């Protein structure tokens, strides 16, 4: 286990929710990151199609040293190296690319590639993925998650992403989801940090509710 994987494991035990801060500008990184960390939210990604994403990743890594910060929409191995140089230690992709997963693993980072089919899921795990991003979740309903869970190793991490709200988390949890990636329902560019914190608390409450049921 690398330090990044140790931090990932600790974050999963506390709150297995990944904040997807698409569109985050660098000047919002510190206040938004601090607001999330204050709620106990420790998994944060900045998609690389955001403005100056590497600057935001660097700012988040500095402001939230206890969190596991990384990048989303990572499409090639060169971008993996850029994220690592900026202080990111988690790589999330919308697709499965073996070269991206292998480079992420080589650098000791957490790898969460996007998959939609069992074929992609098994290939990603064989390449060294830390877990699987089920994307888009609108095309992977809870019944499909349950079917996929039945053929994977029991400890495989599954994170539905896309269209996740406090209202539909319980059904995915019951089907075997390990956690979730949360995007626009949590953060949109320009949203004040205080509102991001309020949204975060709603998701935390919903996740806690699904654990109790």
N, C-alpha and C. Protein backbone atom coordinates (compact mmCIF):
# COMPACT_ATOMS: atom_id res chain seq x y z
N UNK A 1 0.85 -1.20 0.00
CA UNK A 1 0.00 0.00 0.00
C UNK A 1 0.88 1.25 0.00
N UNK A 2 0.55 2.20 -0.83
CA UNK A 2 1.26 3.47 -0.87
C UNK A 2 0.57 4.45 0.08
N UNK A 3 1.23 5.58 0.40
CA UNK A 3 0.55 6.59 1.23
C UNK A 3 -0.79 7.03 0.65
N UNK A 4 -0.86 7.16 -0.68
CA UNK A 4 -2.12 7.55 -1.30
C UNK A 4 -3.20 6.51 -1.06
N UNK A 5 -2.84 5.24 -1.16
CA UNK A 5 -3.82 4.19 -0.93
C UNK A 5 -4.21 4.10 0.55
N UNK A 6 -3.28 4.37 1.44
CA UNK A 6 -3.62 4.41 2.86
C UNK A 6 -4.64 5.52 3.13
N UNK A 7 -4.40 6.69 2.52
CA UNK A 7 -5.32 7.82 2.70
C UNK A 7 -6.68 7.50 2.07
N UNK A 8 -6.65 6.82 0.94
CA UNK A 8 -7.88 6.41 0.27
C UNK A 8 -8.69 5.46 1.16
N UNK A 9 -8.01 4.49 1.73
CA UNK A 9 -8.69 3.53 2.60
C UNK A 9 -9.31 4.22 3.81
N UNK A 10 -8.58 5.16 4.38
CA UNK A 10 -9.10 5.90 5.54
C UNK A 10 -10.32 6.73 5.15
N UNK A 11 -10.25 7.37 3.98
CA UNK A 11 -11.37 8.18 3.52
C UNK A 11 -12.60 7.31 3.26
N UNK A 12 -12.40 6.14 2.69
CA UNK A 12 -13.52 5.24 2.42
C UNK A 12 -14.21 4.80 3.71
N UNK A 13 -13.41 4.56 4.74
CA UNK A 13 -14.00 4.17 6.02
C UNK A 13 -14.83 5.29 6.61
N UNK A 14 -14.40 6.53 6.39
CA UNK A 14 -15.09 7.68 6.98
C UNK A 14 -16.29 8.13 6.15
N UNK A 15 -16.07 8.29 4.83
CA UNK A 15 -17.13 8.80 3.95
C UNK A 15 -16.73 8.52 2.50
N UNK A 16 -17.25 7.48 1.89
CA UNK A 16 -16.82 7.09 0.54
C UNK A 16 -17.52 7.88 -0.58
N UNK A 17 -17.42 9.19 -0.50
CA UNK A 17 -18.01 10.07 -1.50
C UNK A 17 -16.91 10.91 -2.13
N UNK A 18 -16.90 10.96 -3.46
CA UNK A 18 -15.90 11.73 -4.19
C UNK A 18 -16.56 13.01 -4.69
N UNK A 19 -16.00 14.16 -4.31
CA UNK A 19 -16.49 15.45 -4.80
C UNK A 19 -15.90 15.71 -6.18
N UNK A 20 -16.75 15.92 -7.17
CA UNK A 20 -16.32 16.21 -8.53
C UNK A 20 -16.53 17.70 -8.76
N UNK A 21 -15.44 18.45 -8.73
CA UNK A 21 -15.51 19.91 -8.79
C UNK A 21 -15.25 20.39 -10.21
N UNK A 22 -16.14 20.01 -11.11
CA UNK A 22 -15.98 20.39 -12.52
C UNK A 22 -16.21 21.89 -12.70
N UNK A 23 -15.27 22.54 -13.38
CA UNK A 23 -15.38 23.97 -13.61
C UNK A 23 -14.78 24.82 -12.51
N UNK A 24 -14.16 24.17 -11.52
CA UNK A 24 -13.58 24.91 -10.39
C UNK A 24 -12.44 25.81 -10.86
N UNK A 25 -12.53 27.12 -10.66
CA UNK A 25 -11.39 27.98 -10.96
C UNK A 25 -10.43 28.02 -9.78
N UNK A 26 -9.16 28.29 -10.03
CA UNK A 26 -8.17 28.23 -8.94
C UNK A 26 -8.51 29.11 -7.73
N UNK A 27 -9.14 30.26 -7.96
CA UNK A 27 -9.41 31.15 -6.83
C UNK A 27 -10.51 30.60 -5.91
N UNK A 28 -11.29 29.62 -6.39
CA UNK A 28 -12.30 29.01 -5.53
C UNK A 28 -11.80 27.76 -4.84
N UNK A 29 -10.64 27.27 -5.22
CA UNK A 29 -10.17 25.97 -4.74
C UNK A 29 -10.03 25.93 -3.23
N UNK A 30 -9.35 26.90 -2.66
CA UNK A 30 -9.10 26.88 -1.22
C UNK A 30 -10.39 26.98 -0.41
N UNK A 31 -11.27 27.96 -0.67
CA UNK A 31 -12.49 28.01 0.14
C UNK A 31 -13.41 26.82 -0.04
N UNK A 32 -13.55 26.33 -1.26
CA UNK A 32 -14.41 25.17 -1.49
C UNK A 32 -13.82 23.92 -0.85
N UNK A 33 -12.52 23.72 -1.04
CA UNK A 33 -11.87 22.57 -0.44
C UNK A 33 -11.94 22.58 1.07
N UNK A 34 -11.72 23.74 1.66
CA UNK A 34 -11.79 23.86 3.11
C UNK A 34 -13.20 23.58 3.62
N UNK A 35 -14.20 24.06 2.88
CA UNK A 35 -15.59 23.82 3.27
C UNK A 35 -15.92 22.33 3.24
N UNK A 36 -15.46 21.64 2.21
CA UNK A 36 -15.70 20.21 2.13
C UNK A 36 -14.97 19.45 3.25
N UNK A 37 -13.70 19.79 3.45
CA UNK A 37 -12.91 19.11 4.48
C UNK A 37 -13.52 19.31 5.86
N UNK A 38 -14.13 20.47 6.08
CA UNK A 38 -14.73 20.74 7.39
C UNK A 38 -15.90 19.81 7.69
N UNK A 39 -16.52 19.26 6.64
CA UNK A 39 -17.63 18.32 6.84
C UNK A 39 -17.15 16.87 6.99
N UNK A 40 -15.86 16.66 6.75
CA UNK A 40 -15.32 15.31 6.78
C UNK A 40 -15.20 14.69 5.40
N UNK A 41 -15.44 15.49 4.35
CA UNK A 41 -15.37 15.00 2.97
C UNK A 41 -13.91 15.02 2.54
N UNK A 42 -13.32 13.84 2.27
CA UNK A 42 -11.88 13.73 2.08
C UNK A 42 -11.45 13.23 0.70
N UNK A 43 -12.38 13.06 -0.23
CA UNK A 43 -12.04 12.63 -1.59
C UNK A 43 -12.49 13.71 -2.55
N UNK A 44 -11.54 14.37 -3.20
CA UNK A 44 -11.83 15.54 -4.02
C UNK A 44 -11.12 15.42 -5.36
N UNK A 45 -11.87 15.59 -6.45
CA UNK A 45 -11.27 15.58 -7.78
C UNK A 45 -11.63 16.85 -8.54
N UNK A 46 -10.67 17.32 -9.34
CA UNK A 46 -10.90 18.45 -10.24
C UNK A 46 -10.76 17.91 -11.67
N UNK A 47 -11.83 17.85 -12.44
CA UNK A 47 -11.71 17.38 -13.82
C UNK A 47 -10.75 18.27 -14.62
N UNK A 48 -10.00 17.64 -15.49
CA UNK A 48 -8.98 18.38 -16.24
C UNK A 48 -9.57 19.28 -17.31
N UNK A 49 -10.86 19.21 -17.57
CA UNK A 49 -11.47 20.17 -18.47
C UNK A 49 -12.02 21.38 -17.73
N UNK A 50 -11.54 21.59 -16.51
CA UNK A 50 -11.82 22.80 -15.73
C UNK A 50 -10.77 23.85 -16.06
N UNK A 51 -11.02 25.12 -15.73
CA UNK A 51 -10.01 26.15 -15.99
C UNK A 51 -8.79 25.98 -15.08
N UNK A 52 -7.61 25.91 -15.69
CA UNK A 52 -6.34 25.78 -14.96
C UNK A 52 -6.44 24.71 -13.86
N UNK A 53 -6.79 23.50 -14.22
CA UNK A 53 -7.06 22.47 -13.21
C UNK A 53 -5.85 22.11 -12.37
N UNK A 54 -4.66 22.13 -12.94
CA UNK A 54 -3.48 21.75 -12.15
C UNK A 54 -3.21 22.76 -11.05
N UNK A 55 -3.50 24.03 -11.30
CA UNK A 55 -3.36 25.04 -10.25
C UNK A 55 -4.36 24.78 -9.13
N UNK A 56 -5.58 24.41 -9.50
CA UNK A 56 -6.58 24.12 -8.47
C UNK A 56 -6.21 22.88 -7.67
N UNK A 57 -5.68 21.87 -8.34
CA UNK A 57 -5.26 20.66 -7.63
C UNK A 57 -4.14 20.98 -6.66
N UNK A 58 -3.19 21.78 -7.09
CA UNK A 58 -2.10 22.17 -6.21
C UNK A 58 -2.62 22.94 -5.01
N UNK A 59 -3.57 23.88 -5.24
CA UNK A 59 -4.12 24.67 -4.15
C UNK A 59 -4.91 23.79 -3.18
N UNK A 60 -5.67 22.84 -3.70
CA UNK A 60 -6.43 21.94 -2.82
C UNK A 60 -5.51 21.05 -2.01
N UNK A 61 -4.46 20.53 -2.64
CA UNK A 61 -3.53 19.66 -1.92
C UNK A 61 -2.85 20.42 -0.79
N UNK A 62 -2.56 21.70 -1.01
CA UNK A 62 -1.94 22.52 0.04
C UNK A 62 -2.93 22.87 1.15
N UNK A 63 -4.16 23.20 0.76
CA UNK A 63 -5.16 23.65 1.73
C UNK A 63 -5.77 22.50 2.53
N UNK A 64 -5.79 21.31 1.93
CA UNK A 64 -6.45 20.16 2.57
C UNK A 64 -5.50 18.97 2.61
N UNK A 65 -4.43 19.06 3.39
CA UNK A 65 -3.44 17.98 3.38
C UNK A 65 -3.97 16.65 3.87
N UNK A 66 -5.07 16.66 4.61
CA UNK A 66 -5.65 15.42 5.11
C UNK A 66 -6.51 14.73 4.05
N UNK A 67 -6.87 15.44 2.98
CA UNK A 67 -7.74 14.89 1.95
C UNK A 67 -6.91 14.20 0.87
N UNK A 68 -7.57 13.34 0.09
CA UNK A 68 -6.96 12.75 -1.09
C UNK A 68 -7.49 13.54 -2.28
N UNK A 69 -6.61 14.32 -2.87
CA UNK A 69 -6.97 15.22 -3.96
C UNK A 69 -6.44 14.64 -5.27
N UNK A 70 -7.23 14.77 -6.32
CA UNK A 70 -6.77 14.28 -7.60
C UNK A 70 -7.50 14.93 -8.75
N UNK A 71 -7.45 14.28 -9.90
CA UNK A 71 -8.03 14.83 -11.12
C UNK A 71 -9.03 13.87 -11.72
N UNK A 72 -10.01 14.44 -12.41
CA UNK A 72 -10.93 13.66 -13.21
C UNK A 72 -10.73 13.97 -14.68
N UNK A 73 -11.41 13.21 -15.53
CA UNK A 73 -11.30 13.37 -16.98
C UNK A 73 -9.84 13.26 -17.42
N UNK A 74 -9.13 12.31 -16.85
CA UNK A 74 -7.73 12.05 -17.21
C UNK A 74 -7.74 11.03 -18.35
N UNK A 75 -7.17 11.42 -19.49
CA UNK A 75 -7.32 10.63 -20.70
C UNK A 75 -6.05 10.00 -21.23
N UNK A 76 -4.88 10.41 -20.73
CA UNK A 76 -3.65 9.78 -21.21
C UNK A 76 -2.59 9.79 -20.11
N UNK A 77 -1.52 9.03 -20.35
CA UNK A 77 -0.49 8.85 -19.32
C UNK A 77 0.26 10.13 -19.02
N UNK A 78 0.43 10.99 -20.02
CA UNK A 78 1.10 12.27 -19.78
C UNK A 78 0.33 13.12 -18.78
N UNK A 79 -0.99 13.10 -18.87
CA UNK A 79 -1.80 13.84 -17.91
C UNK A 79 -1.66 13.26 -16.51
N UNK A 80 -1.53 11.96 -16.41
CA UNK A 80 -1.31 11.34 -15.10
C UNK A 80 -0.06 11.92 -14.45
N UNK A 81 1.00 12.05 -15.22
CA UNK A 81 2.26 12.59 -14.68
C UNK A 81 2.10 14.05 -14.28
N UNK A 82 1.33 14.81 -15.05
CA UNK A 82 1.09 16.21 -14.72
C UNK A 82 0.31 16.35 -13.42
N UNK A 83 -0.68 15.49 -13.23
CA UNK A 83 -1.46 15.52 -12.00
C UNK A 83 -0.57 15.17 -10.80
N UNK A 84 0.26 14.18 -10.97
CA UNK A 84 1.18 13.79 -9.90
C UNK A 84 2.11 14.94 -9.54
N UNK A 85 2.64 15.63 -10.54
CA UNK A 85 3.56 16.74 -10.29
C UNK A 85 2.86 17.89 -9.57
N UNK A 86 1.54 18.04 -9.78
CA UNK A 86 0.78 19.11 -9.12
C UNK A 86 0.39 18.75 -7.70
N UNK A 87 0.68 17.53 -7.27
CA UNK A 87 0.32 17.11 -5.92
C UNK A 87 -0.91 16.23 -5.85
N UNK A 88 -1.50 15.93 -6.99
CA UNK A 88 -2.66 15.04 -7.00
C UNK A 88 -2.24 13.60 -6.80
N UNK A 89 -3.05 12.84 -6.11
CA UNK A 89 -2.73 11.44 -5.84
C UNK A 89 -3.88 10.50 -6.17
N UNK A 90 -4.84 11.01 -6.94
CA UNK A 90 -5.98 10.19 -7.38
C UNK A 90 -6.28 10.54 -8.83
N UNK A 91 -6.49 9.52 -9.66
CA UNK A 91 -6.78 9.71 -11.07
C UNK A 91 -8.11 9.05 -11.40
N UNK A 92 -9.04 9.84 -11.91
CA UNK A 92 -10.36 9.36 -12.27
C UNK A 92 -10.58 9.65 -13.75
N UNK A 93 -11.12 8.68 -14.47
CA UNK A 93 -11.34 8.83 -15.90
C UNK A 93 -12.77 8.47 -16.27
N UNK A 94 -13.27 9.01 -17.39
CA UNK A 94 -14.61 8.63 -17.85
C UNK A 94 -14.61 7.31 -18.59
N UNK A 95 -13.40 6.79 -18.87
CA UNK A 95 -13.25 5.57 -19.67
C UNK A 95 -12.15 4.71 -19.06
N UNK A 96 -11.99 3.51 -19.62
CA UNK A 96 -10.88 2.66 -19.23
C UNK A 96 -9.81 2.71 -20.31
N UNK A 97 -8.62 3.14 -19.92
CA UNK A 97 -7.44 3.13 -20.79
C UNK A 97 -6.33 2.45 -20.00
N UNK A 98 -5.86 1.31 -20.49
CA UNK A 98 -4.88 0.53 -19.74
C UNK A 98 -3.61 1.32 -19.45
N UNK A 99 -3.17 2.16 -20.39
CA UNK A 99 -1.95 2.94 -20.18
C UNK A 99 -2.12 3.94 -19.04
N UNK A 100 -3.31 4.53 -18.94
CA UNK A 100 -3.58 5.46 -17.85
C UNK A 100 -3.57 4.74 -16.51
N UNK A 101 -4.21 3.59 -16.44
CA UNK A 101 -4.26 2.83 -15.19
C UNK A 101 -2.86 2.38 -14.78
N UNK A 102 -2.09 1.88 -15.74
CA UNK A 102 -0.74 1.40 -15.41
C UNK A 102 0.16 2.53 -14.94
N UNK A 103 0.08 3.69 -15.58
CA UNK A 103 0.92 4.82 -15.16
C UNK A 103 0.51 5.32 -13.79
N UNK A 104 -0.79 5.34 -13.54
CA UNK A 104 -1.28 5.75 -12.22
C UNK A 104 -0.75 4.81 -11.14
N UNK A 105 -0.82 3.51 -11.40
CA UNK A 105 -0.32 2.53 -10.44
C UNK A 105 1.20 2.66 -10.27
N UNK A 106 1.91 2.90 -11.37
CA UNK A 106 3.36 3.03 -11.29
C UNK A 106 3.78 4.17 -10.36
N UNK A 107 2.99 5.22 -10.35
CA UNK A 107 3.30 6.39 -9.54
C UNK A 107 2.71 6.28 -8.13
N UNK A 108 2.10 5.16 -7.81
CA UNK A 108 1.57 4.95 -6.46
C UNK A 108 0.30 5.71 -6.17
N UNK A 109 -0.42 6.07 -7.22
CA UNK A 109 -1.65 6.84 -7.06
C UNK A 109 -2.87 5.94 -7.10
N UNK A 110 -3.99 6.46 -6.66
CA UNK A 110 -5.26 5.75 -6.69
C UNK A 110 -5.87 5.89 -8.09
N UNK A 111 -6.29 4.77 -8.67
CA UNK A 111 -6.83 4.74 -10.03
C UNK A 111 -8.29 4.33 -10.02
N UNK A 112 -9.16 5.19 -10.58
CA UNK A 112 -10.59 4.90 -10.67
C UNK A 112 -11.04 5.14 -12.11
N UNK A 113 -10.82 4.18 -12.99
CA UNK A 113 -11.25 4.34 -14.38
C UNK A 113 -12.75 4.14 -14.54
N UNK A 114 -13.29 4.75 -15.58
CA UNK A 114 -14.70 4.60 -15.86
C UNK A 114 -14.98 3.34 -16.67
N UNK A 115 -15.99 2.59 -16.25
CA UNK A 115 -16.39 1.37 -16.96
C UNK A 115 -17.91 1.34 -17.06
N UNK A 116 -18.39 0.58 -18.06
CA UNK A 116 -19.83 0.44 -18.25
C UNK A 116 -20.25 -1.01 -18.37
N UNK A 117 -19.30 -1.89 -18.72
CA UNK A 117 -19.62 -3.30 -18.97
C UNK A 117 -18.75 -4.20 -18.11
N UNK A 118 -19.16 -5.46 -17.91
CA UNK A 118 -18.30 -6.41 -17.20
C UNK A 118 -16.94 -6.58 -17.87
N UNK A 119 -16.90 -6.58 -19.19
CA UNK A 119 -15.64 -6.72 -19.91
C UNK A 119 -14.68 -5.61 -19.53
N UNK A 120 -15.17 -4.37 -19.53
CA UNK A 120 -14.32 -3.23 -19.14
C UNK A 120 -13.93 -3.33 -17.67
N UNK A 121 -14.85 -3.76 -16.84
CA UNK A 121 -14.57 -3.85 -15.41
C UNK A 121 -13.43 -4.82 -15.13
N UNK A 122 -13.49 -6.02 -15.70
CA UNK A 122 -12.45 -7.00 -15.46
C UNK A 122 -11.11 -6.57 -16.06
N UNK A 123 -11.15 -5.94 -17.23
CA UNK A 123 -9.91 -5.46 -17.85
C UNK A 123 -9.27 -4.36 -17.00
N UNK A 124 -10.08 -3.47 -16.46
CA UNK A 124 -9.55 -2.38 -15.62
C UNK A 124 -8.91 -2.93 -14.35
N UNK A 125 -9.55 -3.89 -13.73
CA UNK A 125 -9.00 -4.48 -12.52
C UNK A 125 -7.71 -5.23 -12.83
N UNK A 126 -7.65 -5.92 -13.95
CA UNK A 126 -6.44 -6.64 -14.34
C UNK A 126 -5.28 -5.68 -14.60
N UNK A 127 -5.59 -4.46 -15.05
CA UNK A 127 -4.55 -3.47 -15.32
C UNK A 127 -4.04 -2.80 -14.06
N UNK A 128 -4.76 -2.98 -12.93
CA UNK A 128 -4.30 -2.41 -11.67
C UNK A 128 -5.18 -1.32 -11.10
N UNK A 129 -6.41 -1.21 -11.54
CA UNK A 129 -7.32 -0.19 -11.00
C UNK A 129 -7.57 -0.40 -9.52
N UNK A 130 -7.67 0.71 -8.78
CA UNK A 130 -7.96 0.64 -7.35
C UNK A 130 -9.44 0.39 -7.10
N UNK A 131 -10.27 0.82 -8.02
CA UNK A 131 -11.71 0.67 -7.94
C UNK A 131 -12.29 1.04 -9.28
N UNK A 132 -13.61 0.98 -9.40
CA UNK A 132 -14.28 1.21 -10.68
C UNK A 132 -15.29 2.33 -10.57
N UNK A 133 -15.20 3.26 -11.50
CA UNK A 133 -16.20 4.31 -11.64
C UNK A 133 -17.25 3.81 -12.62
N UNK A 134 -18.48 3.60 -12.16
CA UNK A 134 -19.56 3.14 -13.02
C UNK A 134 -20.21 4.36 -13.66
N UNK A 135 -19.91 4.57 -14.95
CA UNK A 135 -20.28 5.83 -15.60
C UNK A 135 -20.74 5.58 -17.02
N UNK A 136 -21.81 6.30 -17.40
CA UNK A 136 -22.68 7.15 -16.58
C UNK A 136 -23.69 6.32 -15.81
N UNK A 137 -23.92 6.69 -14.57
CA UNK A 137 -24.80 5.89 -13.72
C UNK A 137 -26.24 5.88 -14.25
N UNK A 138 -26.59 6.87 -15.06
CA UNK A 138 -27.93 6.84 -15.67
C UNK A 138 -28.11 5.59 -16.54
N UNK A 139 -26.99 5.03 -17.03
CA UNK A 139 -27.05 3.81 -17.85
C UNK A 139 -26.72 2.56 -17.03
N UNK A 140 -26.43 2.75 -15.74
CA UNK A 140 -26.12 1.63 -14.85
C UNK A 140 -27.05 1.72 -13.64
N UNK A 141 -28.31 1.35 -13.79
CA UNK A 141 -29.26 1.44 -12.69
C UNK A 141 -28.89 0.46 -11.58
N UNK A 142 -29.51 0.60 -10.42
CA UNK A 142 -29.18 -0.30 -9.32
C UNK A 142 -29.23 -1.78 -9.68
N UNK A 143 -30.17 -2.19 -10.51
CA UNK A 143 -30.25 -3.60 -10.88
C UNK A 143 -29.00 -4.06 -11.61
N UNK A 144 -28.43 -3.18 -12.44
CA UNK A 144 -27.20 -3.52 -13.15
C UNK A 144 -26.01 -3.57 -12.20
N UNK A 145 -26.00 -2.68 -11.21
CA UNK A 145 -24.94 -2.72 -10.20
C UNK A 145 -24.99 -4.04 -9.44
N UNK A 146 -26.18 -4.47 -9.10
CA UNK A 146 -26.34 -5.73 -8.37
C UNK A 146 -25.84 -6.90 -9.21
N UNK A 147 -26.14 -6.90 -10.50
CA UNK A 147 -25.69 -7.98 -11.38
C UNK A 147 -24.17 -7.98 -11.52
N UNK A 148 -23.59 -6.79 -11.64
CA UNK A 148 -22.14 -6.69 -11.75
C UNK A 148 -21.46 -7.12 -10.45
N UNK A 149 -22.02 -6.70 -9.36
CA UNK A 149 -21.47 -7.08 -8.04
C UNK A 149 -21.43 -8.60 -7.89
N UNK A 150 -22.39 -9.30 -8.46
CA UNK A 150 -22.47 -10.74 -8.29
C UNK A 150 -21.31 -11.49 -8.94
N UNK A 151 -20.67 -10.88 -9.95
CA UNK A 151 -19.59 -11.59 -10.66
C UNK A 151 -18.20 -11.06 -10.32
N UNK A 152 -18.12 -9.97 -9.56
CA UNK A 152 -16.84 -9.40 -9.17
C UNK A 152 -16.42 -9.93 -7.80
N UNK A 153 -15.14 -9.81 -7.52
CA UNK A 153 -14.67 -10.13 -6.18
C UNK A 153 -15.39 -9.25 -5.16
N UNK A 154 -15.64 -9.79 -4.00
CA UNK A 154 -16.46 -9.09 -3.01
C UNK A 154 -15.87 -7.76 -2.57
N UNK A 155 -14.54 -7.64 -2.61
CA UNK A 155 -13.92 -6.40 -2.14
C UNK A 155 -13.70 -5.37 -3.25
N UNK A 156 -14.22 -5.62 -4.45
CA UNK A 156 -14.10 -4.65 -5.53
C UNK A 156 -14.89 -3.39 -5.20
N UNK A 157 -14.28 -2.25 -5.38
CA UNK A 157 -14.93 -0.97 -5.08
C UNK A 157 -15.67 -0.47 -6.31
N UNK A 158 -16.96 -0.18 -6.12
CA UNK A 158 -17.82 0.30 -7.20
C UNK A 158 -18.39 1.67 -6.85
N UNK A 159 -18.17 2.65 -7.73
CA UNK A 159 -18.61 4.02 -7.48
C UNK A 159 -19.49 4.51 -8.64
N UNK A 160 -20.81 4.42 -8.52
CA UNK A 160 -21.67 5.03 -9.54
C UNK A 160 -21.46 6.54 -9.60
N UNK A 161 -21.39 7.06 -10.81
CA UNK A 161 -21.17 8.49 -11.03
C UNK A 161 -22.07 8.95 -12.16
N UNK A 162 -22.76 10.07 -11.94
CA UNK A 162 -23.64 10.63 -12.96
C UNK A 162 -25.08 10.57 -12.51
N UNK A 163 -25.65 11.72 -12.19
CA UNK A 163 -27.04 11.75 -11.79
C UNK A 163 -27.32 11.25 -10.38
N UNK A 164 -26.28 11.17 -9.55
CA UNK A 164 -26.46 10.72 -8.17
C UNK A 164 -26.99 11.87 -7.32
N UNK A 165 -28.07 11.61 -6.60
CA UNK A 165 -28.68 12.61 -5.71
C UNK A 165 -28.93 11.96 -4.35
N UNK A 166 -29.22 12.77 -3.34
CA UNK A 166 -29.55 12.17 -2.05
C UNK A 166 -30.73 11.20 -2.13
N UNK A 167 -31.61 11.40 -3.10
CA UNK A 167 -32.81 10.57 -3.20
C UNK A 167 -32.56 9.17 -3.76
N UNK A 168 -31.50 9.00 -4.58
CA UNK A 168 -31.31 7.68 -5.20
C UNK A 168 -30.12 6.91 -4.64
N UNK A 169 -29.46 7.45 -3.62
CA UNK A 169 -28.30 6.78 -3.07
C UNK A 169 -28.66 5.45 -2.39
N UNK A 170 -29.78 5.42 -1.71
CA UNK A 170 -30.13 4.22 -0.95
C UNK A 170 -30.30 3.01 -1.86
N UNK A 171 -30.92 3.20 -3.02
CA UNK A 171 -31.13 2.07 -3.93
C UNK A 171 -29.80 1.54 -4.46
N UNK A 172 -28.88 2.44 -4.75
CA UNK A 172 -27.56 2.00 -5.23
C UNK A 172 -26.78 1.30 -4.12
N UNK A 173 -26.89 1.82 -2.91
CA UNK A 173 -26.20 1.16 -1.79
C UNK A 173 -26.74 -0.26 -1.59
N UNK A 174 -28.03 -0.39 -1.65
CA UNK A 174 -28.64 -1.70 -1.46
C UNK A 174 -28.21 -2.68 -2.55
N UNK A 175 -27.89 -2.14 -3.74
CA UNK A 175 -27.46 -2.99 -4.85
C UNK A 175 -25.98 -3.35 -4.78
N UNK A 176 -25.23 -2.69 -3.90
CA UNK A 176 -23.82 -3.03 -3.73
C UNK A 176 -22.83 -1.95 -4.06
N UNK A 177 -23.28 -0.71 -4.24
CA UNK A 177 -22.33 0.39 -4.48
C UNK A 177 -21.48 0.61 -3.25
N UNK A 178 -20.19 0.85 -3.47
CA UNK A 178 -19.25 1.09 -2.36
C UNK A 178 -19.22 2.56 -1.95
N UNK A 179 -19.59 3.44 -2.86
CA UNK A 179 -19.55 4.87 -2.64
C UNK A 179 -20.06 5.53 -3.91
N UNK A 180 -19.85 6.84 -4.01
CA UNK A 180 -20.40 7.59 -5.13
C UNK A 180 -19.48 8.74 -5.51
N UNK A 181 -19.56 9.14 -6.77
CA UNK A 181 -18.98 10.40 -7.21
C UNK A 181 -20.11 11.39 -7.37
N UNK A 182 -19.96 12.57 -6.80
CA UNK A 182 -21.03 13.58 -6.78
C UNK A 182 -20.54 14.82 -7.52
N UNK A 183 -21.29 15.22 -8.54
CA UNK A 183 -20.87 16.36 -9.36
C UNK A 183 -21.72 17.59 -9.17
N UNK A 184 -22.55 17.90 -10.15
CA UNK A 184 -23.26 19.19 -10.17
C UNK A 184 -24.25 19.35 -9.03
N UNK A 185 -24.72 18.27 -8.45
CA UNK A 185 -25.62 18.40 -7.30
C UNK A 185 -24.88 18.86 -6.05
N UNK A 186 -23.56 18.78 -6.09
CA UNK A 186 -22.73 19.25 -4.98
C UNK A 186 -22.11 20.60 -5.27
N UNK A 187 -21.52 20.74 -6.47
CA UNK A 187 -20.78 21.96 -6.80
C UNK A 187 -21.02 22.37 -8.25
N UNK A 188 -21.20 23.66 -8.44
CA UNK A 188 -21.20 24.28 -9.77
C UNK A 188 -20.32 25.51 -9.69
N UNK A 189 -19.67 25.84 -10.79
CA UNK A 189 -18.75 26.97 -10.79
C UNK A 189 -19.46 28.23 -10.31
N UNK A 190 -18.82 28.93 -9.39
CA UNK A 190 -19.38 30.16 -8.84
C UNK A 190 -20.23 29.97 -7.61
N UNK A 191 -20.55 28.72 -7.26
CA UNK A 191 -21.37 28.48 -6.07
C UNK A 191 -20.56 28.83 -4.82
N UNK A 192 -21.11 29.65 -3.93
CA UNK A 192 -20.36 30.02 -2.73
C UNK A 192 -19.98 28.80 -1.89
N UNK A 193 -18.84 28.88 -1.23
CA UNK A 193 -18.36 27.76 -0.44
C UNK A 193 -19.37 27.35 0.63
N UNK A 194 -20.09 28.32 1.18
CA UNK A 194 -21.08 27.99 2.21
C UNK A 194 -22.19 27.11 1.64
N UNK A 195 -22.59 27.35 0.38
CA UNK A 195 -23.62 26.53 -0.24
C UNK A 195 -23.08 25.14 -0.59
N UNK A 196 -21.81 25.09 -0.99
CA UNK A 196 -21.19 23.79 -1.23
C UNK A 196 -21.21 22.97 0.06
N UNK A 197 -20.90 23.63 1.15
CA UNK A 197 -20.91 22.93 2.44
C UNK A 197 -22.32 22.42 2.78
N UNK A 198 -23.34 23.23 2.51
CA UNK A 198 -24.72 22.79 2.76
C UNK A 198 -25.07 21.58 1.91
N UNK A 199 -24.69 21.63 0.64
CA UNK A 199 -24.94 20.48 -0.24
C UNK A 199 -24.21 19.24 0.26
N UNK A 200 -22.97 19.44 0.70
CA UNK A 200 -22.19 18.32 1.21
C UNK A 200 -22.88 17.67 2.40
N UNK A 201 -23.41 18.49 3.28
CA UNK A 201 -24.07 17.94 4.47
C UNK A 201 -25.33 17.15 4.09
N UNK A 202 -26.03 17.57 3.03
CA UNK A 202 -27.21 16.82 2.59
C UNK A 202 -26.81 15.43 2.10
N UNK A 203 -25.72 15.36 1.35
CA UNK A 203 -25.26 14.06 0.86
C UNK A 203 -24.75 13.19 1.99
N UNK A 204 -24.07 13.80 2.93
CA UNK A 204 -23.58 13.03 4.09
C UNK A 204 -24.75 12.46 4.88
N UNK A 205 -25.78 13.27 5.07
CA UNK A 205 -26.96 12.79 5.80
C UNK A 205 -27.65 11.67 5.03
N UNK A 206 -27.74 11.82 3.71
CA UNK A 206 -28.37 10.77 2.91
C UNK A 206 -27.56 9.49 2.96
N UNK A 207 -26.24 9.60 2.88
CA UNK A 207 -25.41 8.40 2.93
C UNK A 207 -25.53 7.73 4.30
N UNK A 208 -25.52 8.52 5.36
CA UNK A 208 -25.69 7.95 6.70
C UNK A 208 -27.04 7.25 6.82
N UNK A 209 -28.06 7.82 6.18
CA UNK A 209 -29.38 7.20 6.21
C UNK A 209 -29.40 5.87 5.52
N UNK A 210 -28.66 5.74 4.41
CA UNK A 210 -28.65 4.47 3.71
C UNK A 210 -27.91 3.42 4.52
N UNK A 211 -26.94 3.84 5.34
CA UNK A 211 -26.24 2.88 6.18
C UNK A 211 -27.17 2.34 7.27
N UNK A 212 -28.04 3.21 7.77
CA UNK A 212 -28.91 2.81 8.88
C UNK A 212 -30.06 1.91 8.43
N UNK A 213 -30.42 2.00 7.14
CA UNK A 213 -31.60 1.23 6.70
C UNK A 213 -31.21 -0.22 6.45
